N, C-alpha and C. Protein backbone atom coordinates (compact mmCIF):
# COMPACT_ATOMS: atom_id res chain seq x y z
N MET A 1 10.16 -3.91 -26.48
CA MET A 1 10.09 -2.95 -25.38
C MET A 1 11.36 -2.10 -25.35
N GLN A 2 11.21 -0.79 -25.11
CA GLN A 2 12.36 0.11 -25.06
C GLN A 2 13.14 -0.08 -23.77
N ASP A 3 14.38 0.41 -23.78
CA ASP A 3 15.21 0.33 -22.60
C ASP A 3 14.57 1.10 -21.44
N ILE A 4 14.83 0.64 -20.23
CA ILE A 4 14.26 1.25 -19.03
C ILE A 4 15.40 1.69 -18.11
N THR A 5 15.42 2.95 -17.73
CA THR A 5 16.45 3.44 -16.83
C THR A 5 15.92 3.47 -15.40
N VAL A 6 16.74 3.02 -14.45
CA VAL A 6 16.32 2.94 -13.06
C VAL A 6 17.44 3.36 -12.12
N ILE A 7 17.05 3.75 -10.90
CA ILE A 7 17.98 3.85 -9.78
C ILE A 7 17.42 3.01 -8.65
N ILE A 8 18.28 2.61 -7.72
CA ILE A 8 17.82 1.89 -6.54
C ILE A 8 18.33 2.61 -5.29
N ALA A 9 17.50 2.60 -4.24
CA ALA A 9 17.88 3.25 -2.99
C ALA A 9 17.46 2.39 -1.82
N ASP A 10 18.43 2.01 -1.01
CA ASP A 10 18.20 1.21 0.19
C ASP A 10 19.40 1.40 1.09
N ASP A 11 19.17 1.50 2.40
CA ASP A 11 20.30 1.74 3.30
C ASP A 11 21.06 0.48 3.67
N HIS A 12 20.68 -0.66 3.11
CA HIS A 12 21.40 -1.91 3.36
C HIS A 12 22.18 -2.31 2.10
N PRO A 13 23.51 -2.17 2.11
CA PRO A 13 24.31 -2.47 0.91
C PRO A 13 24.12 -3.88 0.38
N ILE A 14 23.95 -4.85 1.28
CA ILE A 14 23.80 -6.23 0.82
C ILE A 14 22.50 -6.39 0.05
N PHE A 15 21.43 -5.75 0.54
CA PHE A 15 20.16 -5.85 -0.19
C PHE A 15 20.25 -5.14 -1.53
N ARG A 16 20.92 -3.98 -1.57
CA ARG A 16 21.10 -3.27 -2.84
C ARG A 16 21.83 -4.15 -3.84
N ALA A 17 22.83 -4.87 -3.35
CA ALA A 17 23.59 -5.76 -4.23
C ALA A 17 22.69 -6.84 -4.81
N GLY A 18 21.76 -7.35 -3.98
CA GLY A 18 20.82 -8.35 -4.46
C GLY A 18 19.90 -7.82 -5.53
N VAL A 19 19.40 -6.60 -5.31
CA VAL A 19 18.54 -5.96 -6.31
C VAL A 19 19.31 -5.73 -7.60
N ARG A 20 20.54 -5.29 -7.46
CA ARG A 20 21.39 -5.05 -8.64
C ARG A 20 21.53 -6.33 -9.48
N GLU A 21 21.74 -7.44 -8.82
CA GLU A 21 21.90 -8.71 -9.53
C GLU A 21 20.62 -9.09 -10.27
N ILE A 22 19.47 -8.82 -9.65
CA ILE A 22 18.20 -9.10 -10.32
C ILE A 22 18.05 -8.24 -11.57
N LEU A 23 18.40 -6.96 -11.47
CA LEU A 23 18.27 -6.06 -12.61
C LEU A 23 19.16 -6.48 -13.76
N PHE A 24 20.34 -7.00 -13.44
CA PHE A 24 21.30 -7.39 -14.48
C PHE A 24 20.84 -8.60 -15.29
N THR A 25 19.77 -9.26 -14.83
CA THR A 25 19.26 -10.41 -15.59
C THR A 25 18.44 -9.97 -16.79
N ASN A 26 18.12 -8.68 -16.89
CA ASN A 26 17.34 -8.15 -18.00
C ASN A 26 18.16 -7.08 -18.72
N SER A 27 18.52 -7.34 -19.96
CA SER A 27 19.42 -6.45 -20.70
C SER A 27 18.78 -5.11 -21.06
N LEU A 28 17.46 -5.02 -20.96
CA LEU A 28 16.78 -3.78 -21.29
C LEU A 28 16.73 -2.80 -20.11
N ILE A 29 17.09 -3.28 -18.93
CA ILE A 29 17.05 -2.43 -17.74
C ILE A 29 18.45 -1.90 -17.47
N HIS A 30 18.57 -0.58 -17.39
CA HIS A 30 19.87 0.06 -17.20
C HIS A 30 19.90 0.78 -15.85
N LEU A 31 20.80 0.36 -15.00
CA LEU A 31 20.94 0.96 -13.67
C LEU A 31 21.81 2.21 -13.77
N LEU A 32 21.24 3.35 -13.40
CA LEU A 32 21.96 4.62 -13.47
C LEU A 32 22.71 4.96 -12.20
N GLY A 33 22.32 4.36 -11.08
CA GLY A 33 23.00 4.67 -9.83
C GLY A 33 22.30 4.07 -8.63
N GLU A 34 22.99 4.14 -7.49
CA GLU A 34 22.47 3.61 -6.23
C GLU A 34 22.62 4.65 -5.13
N ALA A 35 21.71 4.60 -4.16
CA ALA A 35 21.76 5.53 -3.03
C ALA A 35 21.49 4.77 -1.74
N GLY A 36 22.09 5.28 -0.66
CA GLY A 36 21.93 4.64 0.64
C GLY A 36 21.00 5.37 1.58
N ASP A 37 20.45 6.49 1.15
CA ASP A 37 19.47 7.22 1.97
C ASP A 37 18.52 7.98 1.06
N GLY A 38 17.45 8.49 1.65
CA GLY A 38 16.42 9.13 0.85
C GLY A 38 16.85 10.43 0.20
N LEU A 39 17.66 11.22 0.87
CA LEU A 39 18.12 12.47 0.29
C LEU A 39 19.00 12.22 -0.93
N ALA A 40 19.93 11.26 -0.80
CA ALA A 40 20.78 10.92 -1.94
C ALA A 40 19.94 10.39 -3.11
N ALA A 41 18.89 9.63 -2.80
CA ALA A 41 18.00 9.12 -3.86
C ALA A 41 17.30 10.28 -4.57
N TYR A 42 16.80 11.22 -3.79
CA TYR A 42 16.12 12.38 -4.37
C TYR A 42 17.08 13.17 -5.27
N GLN A 43 18.28 13.41 -4.80
CA GLN A 43 19.26 14.15 -5.59
C GLN A 43 19.64 13.40 -6.86
N MET A 44 19.71 12.07 -6.77
CA MET A 44 20.04 11.25 -7.94
C MET A 44 18.91 11.30 -8.97
N ILE A 45 17.67 11.34 -8.50
CA ILE A 45 16.53 11.45 -9.41
C ILE A 45 16.59 12.78 -10.16
N LEU A 46 16.90 13.85 -9.46
CA LEU A 46 16.99 15.16 -10.11
C LEU A 46 18.13 15.19 -11.12
N ALA A 47 19.23 14.51 -10.80
CA ALA A 47 20.41 14.55 -11.67
C ALA A 47 20.25 13.66 -12.91
N HIS A 48 19.66 12.48 -12.74
CA HIS A 48 19.63 11.50 -13.84
C HIS A 48 18.27 11.32 -14.49
N ARG A 49 17.19 11.77 -13.83
CA ARG A 49 15.83 11.64 -14.35
C ARG A 49 15.53 10.21 -14.84
N PRO A 50 15.67 9.21 -13.97
CA PRO A 50 15.38 7.84 -14.39
C PRO A 50 13.89 7.65 -14.64
N GLN A 51 13.57 6.65 -15.44
CA GLN A 51 12.16 6.34 -15.65
C GLN A 51 11.53 5.78 -14.37
N ILE A 52 12.32 4.98 -13.64
CA ILE A 52 11.79 4.33 -12.44
C ILE A 52 12.81 4.42 -11.31
N ALA A 53 12.34 4.73 -10.11
CA ALA A 53 13.16 4.69 -8.90
C ALA A 53 12.63 3.59 -8.00
N ILE A 54 13.51 2.68 -7.60
CA ILE A 54 13.16 1.57 -6.72
C ILE A 54 13.63 1.94 -5.32
N LEU A 55 12.71 2.15 -4.40
CA LEU A 55 13.03 2.71 -3.10
C LEU A 55 12.62 1.80 -1.95
N ASP A 56 13.46 1.77 -0.92
CA ASP A 56 13.05 1.18 0.34
C ASP A 56 12.06 2.12 1.00
N LEU A 57 11.13 1.57 1.75
CA LEU A 57 10.13 2.42 2.41
C LEU A 57 10.76 3.25 3.53
N GLU A 58 11.63 2.62 4.32
CA GLU A 58 12.26 3.30 5.44
C GLU A 58 13.76 3.48 5.19
N MET A 59 14.16 4.75 5.08
CA MET A 59 15.57 5.09 4.85
C MET A 59 15.94 6.30 5.69
N PRO A 60 17.24 6.51 5.95
CA PRO A 60 17.67 7.70 6.68
C PRO A 60 17.37 8.98 5.92
N ILE A 61 17.24 10.07 6.66
CA ILE A 61 17.04 11.45 6.18
C ILE A 61 15.66 11.62 5.55
N LEU A 62 15.39 10.95 4.43
CA LEU A 62 14.06 10.97 3.81
C LEU A 62 13.60 9.54 3.63
N SER A 63 12.34 9.27 3.95
CA SER A 63 11.80 7.94 3.70
C SER A 63 11.50 7.79 2.21
N GLY A 64 11.21 6.56 1.80
CA GLY A 64 10.84 6.35 0.41
C GLY A 64 9.62 7.16 0.01
N LEU A 65 8.64 7.25 0.91
CA LEU A 65 7.43 8.02 0.59
C LEU A 65 7.72 9.51 0.57
N ASP A 66 8.64 9.98 1.41
CA ASP A 66 9.03 11.39 1.37
C ASP A 66 9.59 11.74 -0.01
N VAL A 67 10.44 10.86 -0.52
CA VAL A 67 11.02 11.07 -1.85
C VAL A 67 9.92 11.12 -2.91
N CYS A 68 9.02 10.15 -2.85
CA CYS A 68 7.92 10.11 -3.82
C CYS A 68 7.10 11.39 -3.80
N GLN A 69 6.77 11.85 -2.62
CA GLN A 69 5.92 13.04 -2.48
C GLN A 69 6.62 14.28 -3.01
N LYS A 70 7.93 14.40 -2.76
CA LYS A 70 8.68 15.56 -3.26
C LYS A 70 8.73 15.56 -4.78
N VAL A 71 9.01 14.40 -5.35
CA VAL A 71 9.11 14.31 -6.81
C VAL A 71 7.75 14.53 -7.45
N LEU A 72 6.70 13.97 -6.86
CA LEU A 72 5.35 14.16 -7.38
C LEU A 72 4.95 15.63 -7.33
N LYS A 73 5.26 16.28 -6.24
CA LYS A 73 4.92 17.70 -6.08
C LYS A 73 5.63 18.56 -7.12
N GLU A 74 6.86 18.17 -7.44
CA GLU A 74 7.66 18.94 -8.40
C GLU A 74 7.41 18.52 -9.85
N LYS A 75 6.52 17.53 -10.03
CA LYS A 75 6.05 17.11 -11.34
C LYS A 75 7.15 16.57 -12.24
N HIS A 76 8.08 15.82 -11.67
CA HIS A 76 9.05 15.10 -12.47
C HIS A 76 8.41 13.82 -12.99
N GLN A 77 9.00 13.21 -14.00
CA GLN A 77 8.38 12.09 -14.69
C GLN A 77 8.71 10.71 -14.11
N THR A 78 9.59 10.65 -13.15
CA THR A 78 10.00 9.36 -12.58
C THR A 78 8.83 8.66 -11.89
N GLU A 79 8.70 7.35 -12.15
CA GLU A 79 7.71 6.52 -11.47
C GLU A 79 8.40 5.75 -10.34
N PHE A 80 7.59 5.27 -9.38
CA PHE A 80 8.19 4.68 -8.18
C PHE A 80 7.71 3.26 -7.91
N ILE A 81 8.68 2.45 -7.47
CA ILE A 81 8.41 1.11 -6.96
C ILE A 81 8.95 1.07 -5.53
N ILE A 82 8.11 0.66 -4.62
CA ILE A 82 8.52 0.51 -3.22
C ILE A 82 8.83 -0.96 -2.94
N LEU A 83 10.00 -1.19 -2.34
CA LEU A 83 10.40 -2.52 -1.86
C LEU A 83 10.45 -2.46 -0.34
N THR A 84 9.67 -3.28 0.34
CA THR A 84 9.57 -3.15 1.78
C THR A 84 9.30 -4.50 2.44
N MET A 85 9.51 -4.54 3.75
CA MET A 85 9.14 -5.71 4.55
C MET A 85 7.72 -5.58 5.08
N HIS A 86 7.12 -4.38 4.96
CA HIS A 86 5.82 -4.10 5.58
C HIS A 86 4.67 -4.67 4.75
N LYS A 87 3.87 -5.53 5.37
CA LYS A 87 2.73 -6.16 4.70
C LYS A 87 1.40 -5.53 5.12
N GLU A 88 1.46 -4.51 5.98
CA GLU A 88 0.23 -3.93 6.51
C GLU A 88 -0.46 -3.04 5.47
N LYS A 89 -1.79 -3.04 5.54
CA LYS A 89 -2.61 -2.26 4.62
C LYS A 89 -2.28 -0.77 4.66
N THR A 90 -2.04 -0.24 5.85
CA THR A 90 -1.82 1.20 6.01
C THR A 90 -0.64 1.68 5.18
N TYR A 91 0.44 0.93 5.18
CA TYR A 91 1.63 1.32 4.41
C TYR A 91 1.32 1.35 2.92
N TYR A 92 0.60 0.35 2.46
CA TYR A 92 0.25 0.32 1.03
C TYR A 92 -0.61 1.51 0.65
N LEU A 93 -1.60 1.83 1.47
CA LEU A 93 -2.49 2.95 1.15
C LEU A 93 -1.74 4.27 1.13
N GLU A 94 -0.80 4.43 2.05
CA GLU A 94 0.01 5.65 2.06
C GLU A 94 0.87 5.72 0.80
N ALA A 95 1.38 4.58 0.36
CA ALA A 95 2.18 4.54 -0.86
C ALA A 95 1.35 4.94 -2.07
N VAL A 96 0.12 4.44 -2.15
CA VAL A 96 -0.77 4.79 -3.26
C VAL A 96 -1.02 6.29 -3.27
N LYS A 97 -1.27 6.86 -2.11
CA LYS A 97 -1.51 8.30 -2.01
C LYS A 97 -0.29 9.11 -2.45
N ALA A 98 0.91 8.54 -2.25
CA ALA A 98 2.14 9.23 -2.62
C ALA A 98 2.49 9.04 -4.10
N GLY A 99 1.65 8.33 -4.82
CA GLY A 99 1.86 8.16 -6.25
C GLY A 99 2.66 6.95 -6.66
N VAL A 100 2.87 6.02 -5.73
CA VAL A 100 3.65 4.82 -6.03
C VAL A 100 2.89 3.92 -7.01
N LYS A 101 3.59 3.41 -8.03
CA LYS A 101 2.96 2.54 -9.02
C LYS A 101 3.21 1.06 -8.74
N GLY A 102 4.31 0.72 -8.06
CA GLY A 102 4.62 -0.67 -7.76
C GLY A 102 4.90 -0.85 -6.28
N TYR A 103 4.36 -1.90 -5.69
CA TYR A 103 4.54 -2.15 -4.26
C TYR A 103 4.89 -3.62 -4.09
N LEU A 104 6.13 -3.89 -3.68
CA LEU A 104 6.63 -5.26 -3.57
C LEU A 104 7.17 -5.53 -2.18
N LEU A 105 7.09 -6.77 -1.77
CA LEU A 105 7.71 -7.22 -0.53
C LEU A 105 9.12 -7.71 -0.82
N LYS A 106 10.04 -7.40 0.07
CA LYS A 106 11.42 -7.81 -0.15
C LYS A 106 11.56 -9.33 -0.24
N ASP A 107 10.69 -10.04 0.46
CA ASP A 107 10.73 -11.50 0.42
C ASP A 107 10.47 -12.04 -0.99
N ASN A 108 9.74 -11.26 -1.80
CA ASN A 108 9.36 -11.73 -3.13
C ASN A 108 10.10 -11.00 -4.25
N ALA A 109 11.09 -10.21 -3.89
CA ALA A 109 11.75 -9.36 -4.89
C ALA A 109 12.31 -10.15 -6.06
N SER A 110 12.92 -11.28 -5.78
CA SER A 110 13.55 -12.05 -6.85
C SER A 110 12.53 -12.56 -7.86
N ASP A 111 11.30 -12.80 -7.42
CA ASP A 111 10.25 -13.33 -8.30
C ASP A 111 9.48 -12.23 -9.03
N ASP A 112 9.33 -11.07 -8.41
CA ASP A 112 8.39 -10.07 -8.91
C ASP A 112 9.01 -8.80 -9.47
N LEU A 113 10.28 -8.52 -9.16
CA LEU A 113 10.82 -7.20 -9.47
C LEU A 113 10.84 -6.90 -10.96
N ILE A 114 11.31 -7.81 -11.77
CA ILE A 114 11.38 -7.56 -13.21
C ILE A 114 9.98 -7.36 -13.79
N LYS A 115 9.04 -8.21 -13.39
CA LYS A 115 7.66 -8.06 -13.87
C LYS A 115 7.08 -6.72 -13.44
N CYS A 116 7.40 -6.30 -12.23
CA CYS A 116 6.91 -5.02 -11.73
C CYS A 116 7.49 -3.86 -12.53
N ILE A 117 8.78 -3.90 -12.78
CA ILE A 117 9.43 -2.84 -13.56
C ILE A 117 8.81 -2.73 -14.95
N GLU A 118 8.61 -3.87 -15.59
CA GLU A 118 8.04 -3.87 -16.93
C GLU A 118 6.62 -3.31 -16.93
N ALA A 119 5.84 -3.67 -15.91
CA ALA A 119 4.47 -3.17 -15.81
C ALA A 119 4.45 -1.66 -15.59
N VAL A 120 5.25 -1.18 -14.67
CA VAL A 120 5.28 0.24 -14.35
C VAL A 120 5.81 1.05 -15.55
N ALA A 121 6.78 0.50 -16.26
CA ALA A 121 7.32 1.18 -17.44
C ALA A 121 6.26 1.36 -18.51
N LYS A 122 5.27 0.48 -18.54
CA LYS A 122 4.16 0.58 -19.50
C LYS A 122 3.03 1.47 -18.99
N GLY A 123 3.19 2.03 -17.79
CA GLY A 123 2.17 2.91 -17.24
C GLY A 123 1.15 2.21 -16.37
N ASN A 124 1.42 0.95 -16.02
CA ASN A 124 0.49 0.18 -15.21
C ASN A 124 0.92 0.13 -13.75
N GLN A 125 0.00 -0.24 -12.88
CA GLN A 125 0.32 -0.47 -11.48
C GLN A 125 0.62 -1.95 -11.26
N TYR A 126 1.43 -2.22 -10.23
CA TYR A 126 1.77 -3.61 -9.93
C TYR A 126 1.82 -3.79 -8.42
N LEU A 127 1.05 -4.75 -7.95
CA LEU A 127 1.02 -5.08 -6.53
C LEU A 127 1.27 -6.57 -6.39
N VAL A 128 2.20 -6.93 -5.50
CA VAL A 128 2.54 -8.33 -5.31
C VAL A 128 1.27 -9.15 -5.02
N GLN A 129 1.23 -10.36 -5.54
CA GLN A 129 0.02 -11.19 -5.51
C GLN A 129 -0.61 -11.30 -4.12
N GLN A 130 0.21 -11.55 -3.10
CA GLN A 130 -0.34 -11.82 -1.78
C GLN A 130 -0.97 -10.60 -1.12
N LEU A 131 -0.79 -9.40 -1.72
CA LEU A 131 -1.38 -8.19 -1.16
C LEU A 131 -2.46 -7.60 -2.06
N ARG A 132 -2.86 -8.30 -3.10
CA ARG A 132 -3.78 -7.70 -4.06
C ARG A 132 -5.18 -7.47 -3.52
N HIS A 133 -5.52 -8.13 -2.40
CA HIS A 133 -6.81 -7.83 -1.78
C HIS A 133 -6.87 -6.41 -1.23
N PHE A 134 -5.69 -5.75 -1.09
CA PHE A 134 -5.68 -4.35 -0.64
C PHE A 134 -6.27 -3.42 -1.70
N GLN A 135 -6.25 -3.81 -2.96
CA GLN A 135 -6.69 -2.91 -4.02
C GLN A 135 -8.15 -2.51 -3.88
N ASP A 136 -8.99 -3.41 -3.37
CA ASP A 136 -10.39 -3.07 -3.14
C ASP A 136 -10.51 -1.95 -2.13
N VAL A 137 -9.66 -2.01 -1.09
CA VAL A 137 -9.69 -0.99 -0.05
C VAL A 137 -9.18 0.34 -0.57
N SER A 138 -8.11 0.30 -1.39
CA SER A 138 -7.57 1.55 -1.91
C SER A 138 -8.58 2.21 -2.84
N HIS A 139 -9.37 1.43 -3.56
CA HIS A 139 -10.40 1.99 -4.43
C HIS A 139 -11.45 2.73 -3.61
N ILE A 140 -11.84 2.14 -2.48
CA ILE A 140 -12.79 2.79 -1.58
C ILE A 140 -12.22 4.12 -1.10
N ASN A 141 -10.93 4.12 -0.75
CA ASN A 141 -10.31 5.34 -0.24
C ASN A 141 -10.19 6.41 -1.30
N GLU A 142 -10.04 6.03 -2.58
CA GLU A 142 -10.00 7.02 -3.64
C GLU A 142 -11.34 7.73 -3.72
N LYS A 143 -12.42 7.02 -3.45
CA LYS A 143 -13.74 7.63 -3.52
C LYS A 143 -14.03 8.47 -2.29
N ASP A 144 -13.44 8.12 -1.17
CA ASP A 144 -13.72 8.85 0.07
C ASP A 144 -12.43 8.97 0.86
N GLU A 145 -11.78 10.12 0.76
CA GLU A 145 -10.47 10.29 1.38
C GLU A 145 -10.55 10.30 2.91
N HIS A 146 -11.76 10.44 3.47
CA HIS A 146 -11.91 10.45 4.92
C HIS A 146 -12.15 9.05 5.50
N LEU A 147 -12.21 8.06 4.65
CA LEU A 147 -12.57 6.72 5.13
C LEU A 147 -11.56 6.16 6.12
N GLU A 148 -10.27 6.28 5.82
CA GLU A 148 -9.26 5.73 6.72
C GLU A 148 -9.32 6.40 8.09
N ILE A 149 -9.57 7.70 8.10
CA ILE A 149 -9.71 8.42 9.36
C ILE A 149 -10.89 7.87 10.15
N ALA A 150 -11.99 7.61 9.44
CA ALA A 150 -13.19 7.07 10.10
C ALA A 150 -12.92 5.70 10.69
N ILE A 151 -12.21 4.84 9.96
CA ILE A 151 -11.90 3.50 10.47
C ILE A 151 -11.06 3.59 11.73
N ARG A 152 -10.11 4.50 11.74
CA ARG A 152 -9.26 4.65 12.94
C ARG A 152 -10.06 5.15 14.13
N GLN A 153 -11.22 5.79 13.88
CA GLN A 153 -12.05 6.30 14.97
C GLN A 153 -12.92 5.23 15.60
N LEU A 154 -13.01 4.08 14.96
CA LEU A 154 -13.79 2.99 15.54
C LEU A 154 -13.13 2.51 16.83
N THR A 155 -13.97 2.17 17.81
CA THR A 155 -13.44 1.63 19.05
C THR A 155 -12.98 0.19 18.83
N ALA A 156 -12.24 -0.33 19.80
CA ALA A 156 -11.76 -1.72 19.70
C ALA A 156 -12.94 -2.69 19.58
N THR A 157 -14.00 -2.44 20.35
CA THR A 157 -15.18 -3.30 20.29
C THR A 157 -15.85 -3.22 18.92
N GLU A 158 -15.96 -2.01 18.39
CA GLU A 158 -16.58 -1.83 17.07
C GLU A 158 -15.79 -2.56 15.99
N LYS A 159 -14.48 -2.52 16.09
CA LYS A 159 -13.66 -3.23 15.09
C LYS A 159 -13.88 -4.74 15.17
N ILE A 160 -14.02 -5.24 16.39
CA ILE A 160 -14.30 -6.68 16.56
C ILE A 160 -15.65 -7.03 15.95
N ILE A 161 -16.63 -6.20 16.24
CA ILE A 161 -17.97 -6.46 15.70
C ILE A 161 -17.97 -6.34 14.17
N LEU A 162 -17.27 -5.36 13.65
CA LEU A 162 -17.19 -5.20 12.19
C LEU A 162 -16.57 -6.43 11.54
N LYS A 163 -15.55 -6.96 12.18
CA LYS A 163 -14.91 -8.18 11.66
C LYS A 163 -15.89 -9.35 11.66
N LEU A 164 -16.65 -9.49 12.75
CA LEU A 164 -17.62 -10.58 12.85
C LEU A 164 -18.76 -10.41 11.84
N ILE A 165 -19.16 -9.17 11.60
CA ILE A 165 -20.17 -8.90 10.58
C ILE A 165 -19.65 -9.35 9.22
N GLY A 166 -18.38 -9.05 8.95
CA GLY A 166 -17.78 -9.46 7.69
C GLY A 166 -17.70 -10.97 7.52
N GLU A 167 -17.72 -11.69 8.65
CA GLU A 167 -17.71 -13.15 8.61
C GLU A 167 -19.11 -13.73 8.50
N GLY A 168 -20.10 -12.83 8.40
CA GLY A 168 -21.48 -13.29 8.21
C GLY A 168 -22.26 -13.53 9.49
N LYS A 169 -21.75 -13.09 10.62
CA LYS A 169 -22.44 -13.31 11.89
C LYS A 169 -23.62 -12.35 12.03
N THR A 170 -24.71 -12.84 12.62
CA THR A 170 -25.87 -11.99 12.91
C THR A 170 -25.66 -11.26 14.23
N SER A 171 -26.53 -10.29 14.51
CA SER A 171 -26.43 -9.56 15.77
C SER A 171 -26.59 -10.50 16.97
N VAL A 172 -27.49 -11.45 16.85
CA VAL A 172 -27.70 -12.41 17.94
C VAL A 172 -26.44 -13.26 18.16
N GLU A 173 -25.87 -13.74 17.08
CA GLU A 173 -24.64 -14.54 17.19
C GLU A 173 -23.50 -13.74 17.78
N ILE A 174 -23.38 -12.50 17.36
CA ILE A 174 -22.31 -11.64 17.88
C ILE A 174 -22.54 -11.36 19.36
N SER A 175 -23.79 -11.13 19.74
CA SER A 175 -24.10 -10.84 21.14
C SER A 175 -23.73 -12.03 22.02
N GLN A 176 -23.97 -13.24 21.54
CA GLN A 176 -23.62 -14.44 22.31
C GLN A 176 -22.11 -14.61 22.42
N MET A 177 -21.40 -14.27 21.37
CA MET A 177 -19.94 -14.40 21.39
C MET A 177 -19.28 -13.38 22.30
N LEU A 178 -19.89 -12.17 22.38
CA LEU A 178 -19.29 -11.09 23.16
C LEU A 178 -19.96 -10.90 24.53
N PHE A 179 -20.95 -11.72 24.80
CA PHE A 179 -21.65 -11.67 26.09
C PHE A 179 -22.30 -10.30 26.35
N VAL A 180 -22.96 -9.79 25.28
CA VAL A 180 -23.73 -8.55 25.40
C VAL A 180 -25.10 -8.80 24.78
N SER A 181 -25.99 -7.84 24.92
CA SER A 181 -27.33 -8.01 24.37
C SER A 181 -27.33 -7.71 22.86
N PRO A 182 -28.29 -8.30 22.13
CA PRO A 182 -28.41 -7.97 20.70
C PRO A 182 -28.64 -6.48 20.47
N ASN A 183 -29.37 -5.83 21.39
CA ASN A 183 -29.58 -4.39 21.26
C ASN A 183 -28.27 -3.61 21.31
N THR A 184 -27.35 -4.07 22.16
CA THR A 184 -26.03 -3.42 22.24
C THR A 184 -25.28 -3.55 20.92
N VAL A 185 -25.35 -4.73 20.33
CA VAL A 185 -24.71 -4.95 19.03
C VAL A 185 -25.34 -4.04 17.97
N ASP A 186 -26.67 -3.94 17.98
CA ASP A 186 -27.35 -3.09 17.01
C ASP A 186 -26.96 -1.62 17.20
N ASN A 187 -26.78 -1.20 18.44
CA ASN A 187 -26.34 0.17 18.70
C ASN A 187 -24.94 0.40 18.12
N HIS A 188 -24.07 -0.61 18.28
CA HIS A 188 -22.73 -0.50 17.70
C HIS A 188 -22.81 -0.43 16.17
N ARG A 189 -23.70 -1.21 15.59
CA ARG A 189 -23.89 -1.18 14.14
C ARG A 189 -24.29 0.23 13.68
N SER A 190 -25.23 0.81 14.40
CA SER A 190 -25.71 2.15 14.05
C SER A 190 -24.59 3.18 14.16
N ASN A 191 -23.82 3.09 15.26
CA ASN A 191 -22.72 4.04 15.46
C ASN A 191 -21.66 3.89 14.37
N MET A 192 -21.34 2.66 13.99
CA MET A 192 -20.33 2.43 12.95
C MET A 192 -20.81 2.97 11.61
N SER A 193 -22.07 2.78 11.30
CA SER A 193 -22.61 3.27 10.03
C SER A 193 -22.50 4.79 9.95
N LYS A 194 -22.74 5.46 11.08
CA LYS A 194 -22.62 6.92 11.11
C LYS A 194 -21.17 7.35 10.93
N LYS A 195 -20.26 6.70 11.65
CA LYS A 195 -18.84 7.05 11.55
C LYS A 195 -18.29 6.82 10.14
N LEU A 196 -18.77 5.77 9.49
CA LEU A 196 -18.28 5.40 8.17
C LEU A 196 -19.11 6.01 7.04
N ASN A 197 -20.12 6.78 7.42
CA ASN A 197 -20.98 7.46 6.44
C ASN A 197 -21.64 6.46 5.49
N LEU A 198 -22.17 5.40 6.07
CA LEU A 198 -22.83 4.35 5.30
C LEU A 198 -24.34 4.44 5.47
N GLU A 199 -25.06 4.25 4.38
CA GLU A 199 -26.51 4.29 4.41
C GLU A 199 -27.07 3.06 3.72
N GLY A 200 -28.24 2.64 4.14
CA GLY A 200 -28.87 1.47 3.53
C GLY A 200 -28.78 0.25 4.42
N LYS A 201 -29.74 -0.66 4.25
CA LYS A 201 -29.87 -1.80 5.14
C LYS A 201 -28.64 -2.70 5.17
N ASN A 202 -28.06 -2.97 4.01
CA ASN A 202 -26.95 -3.92 3.93
C ASN A 202 -25.60 -3.25 3.69
N SER A 203 -25.54 -1.92 3.80
CA SER A 203 -24.30 -1.22 3.48
C SER A 203 -23.16 -1.58 4.43
N LEU A 204 -23.47 -1.74 5.71
CA LEU A 204 -22.43 -2.09 6.69
C LEU A 204 -21.92 -3.51 6.44
N LEU A 205 -22.83 -4.40 6.10
CA LEU A 205 -22.44 -5.79 5.80
C LEU A 205 -21.51 -5.83 4.59
N LYS A 206 -21.86 -5.12 3.52
CA LYS A 206 -21.03 -5.10 2.32
C LYS A 206 -19.66 -4.50 2.62
N PHE A 207 -19.66 -3.43 3.40
CA PHE A 207 -18.40 -2.79 3.77
C PHE A 207 -17.53 -3.74 4.58
N ALA A 208 -18.13 -4.39 5.56
CA ALA A 208 -17.39 -5.31 6.43
C ALA A 208 -16.83 -6.50 5.65
N MET A 209 -17.60 -7.00 4.70
CA MET A 209 -17.13 -8.12 3.89
C MET A 209 -15.95 -7.72 3.03
N GLY A 210 -15.94 -6.46 2.58
CA GLY A 210 -14.82 -5.96 1.78
C GLY A 210 -13.56 -5.78 2.59
N LEU A 211 -13.71 -5.59 3.91
CA LEU A 211 -12.54 -5.34 4.79
C LEU A 211 -12.17 -6.52 5.65
N LYS A 212 -12.84 -7.64 5.53
CA LYS A 212 -12.66 -8.71 6.52
C LYS A 212 -11.23 -9.25 6.57
N HIS A 213 -10.46 -9.11 5.51
CA HIS A 213 -9.09 -9.60 5.52
C HIS A 213 -8.11 -8.60 6.15
N GLN A 214 -8.58 -7.34 6.36
CA GLN A 214 -7.67 -6.32 6.85
C GLN A 214 -7.87 -5.97 8.32
N LEU A 215 -8.98 -6.41 8.93
CA LEU A 215 -9.29 -6.03 10.30
C LEU A 215 -8.71 -7.03 11.28
């Protein structure tokens, strides 16, 4: 494998030092510089053109995703790995849209960072093991960019019902659990199918089963 050039950006010096120590365990990885905020990271990318930039999601001036979007728009060749504390699906999906190739949790950085760098350097994507169920959702969103907007439009009750559908509950069972009539549940099913642009008898069930870990 050829040498890999990287920069790291995080507003916490102690965490940057930890990342630096991890990188030094692999002689093929060459650290070109460090930044404490998003603007400095962006400027460093323009100056050094690293193969990979390892960014915190939340930084002063520019966030990690802001940096990714600027570099992607300007068509530079740097690839991105996000290191974050955020385990929520929404953050991961936004990262994918911004062109991020690697998404790691800071809690797992010592175990996954080198493997992630090597994967991204080869042109592959890398998602930490405990979040890999998000990939099914991101694939759905690639096919329909309006899907996330539709999900956010669901009412609190609809989200509860969708979760129960994903657990295999029937309309009658759901009605008993929520103290409403089966007809009310069926009306919610119909409304959700329209909002999510789903057609077919079992389409809502399949959709709900695919999302049951995220709702």
